[in-house]
Amino acid sequence: MDYGLIGEKLGHSYSKDIHEMLADYKYDLYPLEKDEFKPFMERHDFKAINVTIPYKQDVIPYLDEIDENAKAIGAVNTIVNKNGRLCGHNTDFSGFLYMLQKHNIDVAGKKCVVLGAGGASKAVVAVLNKLGAGEVVIVDIVKTEHSITYEECFERHADADFIANASPVGMYPKCDLSPVDLTRFPKCKAVADVIYNPLQTKLITQAKDLGMTGVNGLEMLVAQALYAVEFFLDTKLDEAKIDEVFQTLYQKKQNEGA
């Protein structure tokens, strides 16, 4: 494999379509079970790869260097093999930033709730902090040093202005699930979901029904892919291609009933 994506379950992925629209190379989906992950990383048998759930943090010990962005987030989604040296980057940060700016979602000084505490969550939190969020609350199934439970969130943070879903709840094939009921957050003005399959999650459907700005993860996915291609090929691409590819892919997936 020259270029591709590793992760545990990749049946829902649109990354092959996106990369092959953005660049002139073959892009493979390469699902890895837990016991296959270590030998794959030790072989270095690729030019450049993207990384998704659940390996965005697990890849770090195998890398020779990671950039400041990935280091600050503590997760890597892009790896380039430079003559045997593995270099890690995180383009989820830039992808999520693009999505917020594209939809004029202003989080400066606002209370922001982030659902989920994995690799995607770390990138979301880093963007919110960069944009000057007033308070960032991380919510997960289990309480940890950095996250609170959903019950605590409903009790203490129902006044949130913005909610980001960085958990897998609502992802294909379990499209009928939603991580929270948005009626519990009467002050919320905008919701962003990093999930892109289905094209509109149950969470985003409810956000729009309640008059909130609701954005699904497909634009973030295309944006982070464009920034990944720039690392893969050591080049610079026109950001206008993000919307071009997004529109094409959105129509294609709608026609397919995604």
Protein backbone atom coordinates (compact mmCIF):
# COMPACT_ATOMS: atom_id res chain seq x y z
CA MET A 1 0.00 0.00 0.00
CA ASP A 2 1.31 3.45 -0.93
CA TYR A 3 -1.46 5.69 0.45
CA GLY A 4 -4.47 4.79 2.55
CA LEU A 5 -6.37 4.72 5.81
CA ILE A 6 -5.93 2.43 8.81
CA GLY A 7 -8.53 1.88 11.51
CA GLU A 8 -10.54 -0.94 13.04
CA LYS A 9 -13.80 -0.62 11.09
CA LEU A 10 -13.69 1.24 7.77
CA GLY A 11 -16.89 0.15 6.03
CA HIS A 12 -18.41 3.61 6.62
CA SER A 13 -15.41 5.56 5.31
CA TYR A 14 -15.59 8.09 2.44
CA SER A 15 -11.85 8.77 2.55
CA LYS A 16 -11.03 6.78 -0.61
CA ASP A 17 -13.51 8.85 -2.67
CA ILE A 18 -12.21 12.12 -1.24
CA HIS A 19 -8.49 11.47 -1.64
CA GLU A 20 -8.90 10.20 -5.18
CA MET A 21 -10.81 13.39 -6.05
CA LEU A 22 -8.12 15.56 -4.47
CA ALA A 23 -4.98 13.81 -5.72
CA ASP A 24 -3.71 11.53 -8.47
CA TYR A 25 -2.99 8.37 -6.49
CA LYS A 26 -4.75 5.17 -5.42
CA TYR A 27 -5.97 5.34 -1.83
CA ASP A 28 -6.67 2.08 0.03
CA LEU A 29 -8.87 1.35 3.03
CA TYR A 30 -6.86 -0.97 5.28
CA PRO A 31 -8.85 -2.25 8.28
CA LEU A 32 -6.66 -3.55 11.09
CA GLU A 33 -7.67 -5.74 14.03
CA LYS A 34 -5.92 -4.99 17.32
CA ASP A 35 -3.45 -7.87 16.88
CA GLU A 36 -2.56 -6.71 13.34
CA PHE A 37 -1.79 -3.13 14.31
CA LYS A 38 1.70 -3.56 15.85
CA PRO A 39 3.18 -5.65 12.97
CA PHE A 40 1.74 -3.18 10.43
CA MET A 41 3.33 -0.18 12.13
CA GLU A 42 6.67 -1.98 12.51
CA ARG A 43 6.82 -2.85 8.78
CA HIS A 44 6.64 0.82 7.62
CA ASP A 45 5.23 -0.55 4.35
CA PHE A 46 3.55 2.63 3.08
CA LYS A 47 4.38 6.10 1.73
CA ALA A 48 1.75 7.93 3.80
CA ILE A 49 -1.39 6.99 5.70
CA ASN A 50 -4.30 8.45 7.60
CA VAL A 51 -5.29 7.00 10.96
CA THR A 52 -8.78 6.71 12.46
CA ILE A 53 -10.57 5.07 15.42
CA PRO A 54 -9.15 3.52 17.58
CA TYR A 55 -5.47 4.10 16.65
CA LYS A 56 -4.97 7.90 16.66
CA GLN A 57 -3.13 7.73 19.99
CA ASP A 58 -1.78 4.18 19.67
CA VAL A 59 0.40 5.14 16.65
CA ILE A 60 2.44 7.72 18.57
CA PRO A 61 5.06 5.34 20.08
CA TYR A 62 5.92 4.12 16.55
CA LEU A 63 6.69 7.60 15.20
CA ASP A 64 10.11 9.17 14.89
CA GLU A 65 8.71 12.69 15.13
CA ILE A 66 5.38 14.47 15.51
CA ASP A 67 4.65 18.10 14.75
CA GLU A 68 3.64 20.68 17.38
CA ASN A 69 -0.02 20.49 16.46
CA ALA A 70 -0.21 16.72 16.94
CA LYS A 71 1.90 16.95 20.10
CA ALA A 72 -0.43 19.51 21.67
CA ILE A 73 -3.49 17.40 20.84
CA GLY A 74 -1.92 14.07 21.79
CA ALA A 75 -3.33 12.34 18.72
CA VAL A 76 -2.13 11.71 15.15
CA ASN A 77 -4.29 11.16 12.06
CA THR A 78 -1.67 11.60 9.32
CA ILE A 79 1.67 9.80 9.00
CA VAL A 80 4.27 10.35 6.28
CA ASN A 81 7.10 7.88 5.71
CA LYS A 82 10.21 9.95 4.92
CA ASN A 83 12.86 7.41 3.92
CA GLY A 84 11.93 5.12 6.81
CA ARG A 85 11.32 7.88 9.34
CA LEU A 86 7.65 8.12 10.36
CA CYS A 87 6.44 11.71 10.83
CA GLY A 88 3.06 12.35 12.49
CA HIS A 89 0.62 15.22 11.98
CA ASN A 90 -2.95 16.07 13.00
CA THR A 91 -5.20 17.54 10.31
CA ASP A 92 -8.41 17.04 12.34
CA PHE A 93 -7.53 20.34 14.02
CA SER A 94 -7.46 22.26 10.73
CA GLY A 95 -10.54 20.40 9.46
CA PHE A 96 -12.67 21.28 12.49
CA LEU A 97 -11.43 24.88 12.42
CA TYR A 98 -12.45 25.11 8.75
CA MET A 99 -15.93 23.78 9.57
CA LEU A 100 -16.58 26.33 12.33
CA GLN A 101 -15.30 29.25 10.26
CA LYS A 102 -17.22 28.17 7.14
CA HIS A 103 -20.49 28.28 9.09
CA ASN A 104 -19.67 31.41 11.11
CA ILE A 105 -19.88 29.57 14.41
CA ASP A 106 -18.39 31.93 17.00
CA VAL A 107 -17.26 30.23 20.22
CA ALA A 108 -15.23 33.12 21.68
CA GLY A 109 -16.18 33.59 25.34
CA LYS A 110 -18.88 30.89 25.07
CA LYS A 111 -19.54 27.76 27.12
CA CYS A 112 -18.79 24.79 24.88
CA VAL A 113 -19.65 21.15 25.58
CA VAL A 114 -17.65 18.43 23.80
CA LEU A 115 -19.17 14.94 23.78
CA GLY A 116 -16.53 12.18 23.79
CA ALA A 117 -12.94 12.06 24.99
CA GLY A 118 -11.02 10.23 22.24
CA GLY A 119 -8.63 11.43 19.55
CA ALA A 120 -11.23 13.51 17.67
CA SER A 121 -12.29 15.17 20.93
CA LYS A 122 -8.73 16.31 21.61
CA ALA A 123 -8.57 18.11 18.24
CA VAL A 124 -11.98 19.74 18.84
CA VAL A 125 -10.94 20.95 22.28
CA ALA A 126 -7.67 22.37 20.90
CA VAL A 127 -9.60 24.36 18.26
CA LEU A 128 -12.10 25.69 20.81
CA ASN A 129 -9.25 26.82 23.07
CA LYS A 130 -7.46 28.46 20.13
CA LEU A 131 -10.65 30.38 19.27
CA GLY A 132 -10.99 31.68 22.83
CA ALA A 133 -13.90 29.62 24.15
CA GLY A 134 -14.95 30.81 27.60
CA GLU A 135 -15.28 27.30 29.05
CA VAL A 136 -14.78 23.88 27.48
CA VAL A 137 -16.53 20.96 29.17
CA ILE A 138 -15.62 17.40 28.08
CA VAL A 139 -18.31 14.78 28.60
CA ASP A 140 -17.80 11.02 28.49
CA ILE A 141 -19.51 7.83 29.61
CA VAL A 142 -17.02 7.48 32.47
CA LYS A 143 -15.85 10.34 34.69
CA THR A 144 -12.10 10.97 34.50
CA GLU A 145 -9.64 13.67 35.52
CA HIS A 146 -10.51 15.59 32.33
CA SER A 147 -14.14 14.64 31.69
CA ILE A 148 -17.48 14.57 33.49
CA THR A 149 -20.45 12.22 33.05
CA TYR A 150 -23.52 12.99 30.95
CA GLU A 151 -25.59 13.22 34.15
CA GLU A 152 -23.26 15.89 35.54
CA CYS A 153 -23.39 17.74 32.23
CA PHE A 154 -27.21 17.87 32.26
CA GLU A 155 -27.18 19.07 35.87
CA ARG A 156 -24.45 21.72 35.64
CA HIS A 157 -24.03 22.72 31.98
CA ALA A 158 -27.51 22.96 30.49
CA ASP A 159 -26.62 26.60 29.73
CA ALA A 160 -24.07 25.59 27.05
CA ASP A 161 -23.92 27.85 23.97
CA PHE A 162 -22.27 25.32 21.66
CA ILE A 163 -22.13 21.50 21.51
CA ALA A 164 -19.69 19.36 19.51
CA ASN A 165 -20.20 15.64 19.17
CA ALA A 166 -16.81 13.93 18.97
CA SER A 167 -18.19 10.56 20.09
CA PRO A 168 -19.19 7.77 17.67
CA VAL A 169 -22.81 7.79 18.88
CA GLY A 170 -25.11 8.19 15.89
CA MET A 171 -22.61 6.85 13.35
CA TYR A 172 -23.64 4.35 10.67
CA PRO A 173 -25.02 1.70 11.12
CA LYS A 174 -26.55 2.89 14.43
CA CYS A 175 -28.06 6.00 12.85
CA ASP A 176 -31.13 6.06 15.11
CA LEU A 177 -29.02 6.96 18.16
CA SER A 178 -28.16 10.44 19.45
CA PRO A 179 -25.66 11.24 22.22
CA VAL A 180 -27.95 13.84 23.87
CA ASP A 181 -31.43 15.33 23.68
CA LEU A 182 -30.84 18.96 22.70
CA THR A 183 -34.02 20.17 24.43
CA ARG A 184 -31.94 19.87 27.61
CA PHE A 185 -29.79 22.79 26.32
CA PRO A 186 -32.21 25.71 25.76
CA LYS A 187 -29.41 28.31 25.31
CA CYS A 188 -27.52 26.32 22.67
CA LYS A 189 -27.13 28.17 19.37
CA ALA A 190 -24.99 25.78 17.31
CA VAL A 191 -24.13 22.08 17.12
CA ALA A 192 -21.29 20.46 15.15
CA ASP A 193 -21.04 16.70 14.69
CA VAL A 194 -17.77 15.15 13.50
CA ILE A 195 -19.76 12.15 12.20
CA TYR A 196 -20.21 12.21 8.42
CA ASN A 197 -22.07 8.93 7.80
CA PRO A 198 -25.06 9.36 7.82
CA LEU A 199 -24.91 12.71 5.98
CA GLN A 200 -27.16 14.15 8.69
CA THR A 201 -27.14 12.54 12.11
CA LYS A 202 -30.14 12.42 14.41
CA LEU A 203 -28.36 15.04 16.57
CA ILE A 204 -28.00 17.49 13.66
CA THR A 205 -31.59 16.87 12.51
CA GLN A 206 -32.81 17.81 16.00
CA ALA A 207 -30.54 20.87 16.13
CA LYS A 208 -32.04 22.20 12.89
CA ASP A 209 -35.58 21.38 14.06
CA LEU A 210 -34.92 23.48 17.17
CA GLY A 211 -33.65 26.44 15.11
CA MET A 212 -29.96 25.92 15.96
CA THR A 213 -27.13 25.95 13.43
CA GLY A 214 -26.38 22.29 12.75
CA VAL A 215 -23.33 21.07 10.81
CA ASN A 216 -22.37 17.48 10.05
CA GLY A 217 -18.81 16.20 9.72
CA LEU A 218 -18.49 15.80 5.96
CA GLU A 219 -16.95 19.25 5.40
CA MET A 220 -14.48 18.61 8.22
CA LEU A 221 -13.60 15.24 6.65
CA VAL A 222 -12.94 16.80 3.23
CA ALA A 223 -10.96 19.67 4.75
CA GLN A 224 -8.75 17.44 6.89
CA ALA A 225 -8.18 15.20 3.85
CA LEU A 226 -7.01 18.17 1.77
CA TYR A 227 -4.56 19.17 4.51
CA ALA A 228 -3.41 15.52 4.72
CA VAL A 229 -2.78 15.43 0.94
CA GLU A 230 -0.56 18.49 1.38
CA PHE A 231 1.57 16.50 3.86
CA PHE A 232 1.46 13.32 1.73
CA LEU A 233 2.74 15.06 -1.40
CA ASP A 234 4.61 17.98 0.20
CA THR A 235 2.54 20.45 -1.80
CA LYS A 236 -0.03 23.23 -1.38
CA LEU A 237 -3.63 22.91 -2.62
CA ASP A 238 -6.31 25.53 -3.25
CA GLU A 239 -8.74 25.55 -0.28
CA ALA A 240 -11.59 26.17 -2.77
CA LYS A 241 -11.28 22.46 -3.62
CA ILE A 242 -12.73 21.62 -0.19
CA ASP A 243 -16.16 22.97 -1.08
CA GLU A 244 -15.93 21.60 -4.62
CA VAL A 245 -15.26 18.05 -3.38
CA PHE A 246 -17.79 18.41 -0.55
CA GLN A 247 -20.60 19.40 -2.94
CA THR A 248 -19.77 16.58 -5.36
CA LEU A 249 -19.55 13.98 -2.61
CA TYR A 250 -22.68 15.21 -0.82
CA GLN A 251 -24.75 14.88 -4.02
CA LYS A 252 -23.26 11.46 -4.76
CA LYS A 253 -23.99 10.11 -1.26
CA GLN A 254 -27.49 11.63 -1.26
CA ASN A 255 -28.24 9.84 -4.51
CA GLU A 256 -26.95 6.63 -2.98
CA GLY A 257 -29.24 7.19 0.00
CA ALA A 258 -26.45 7.63 2.57
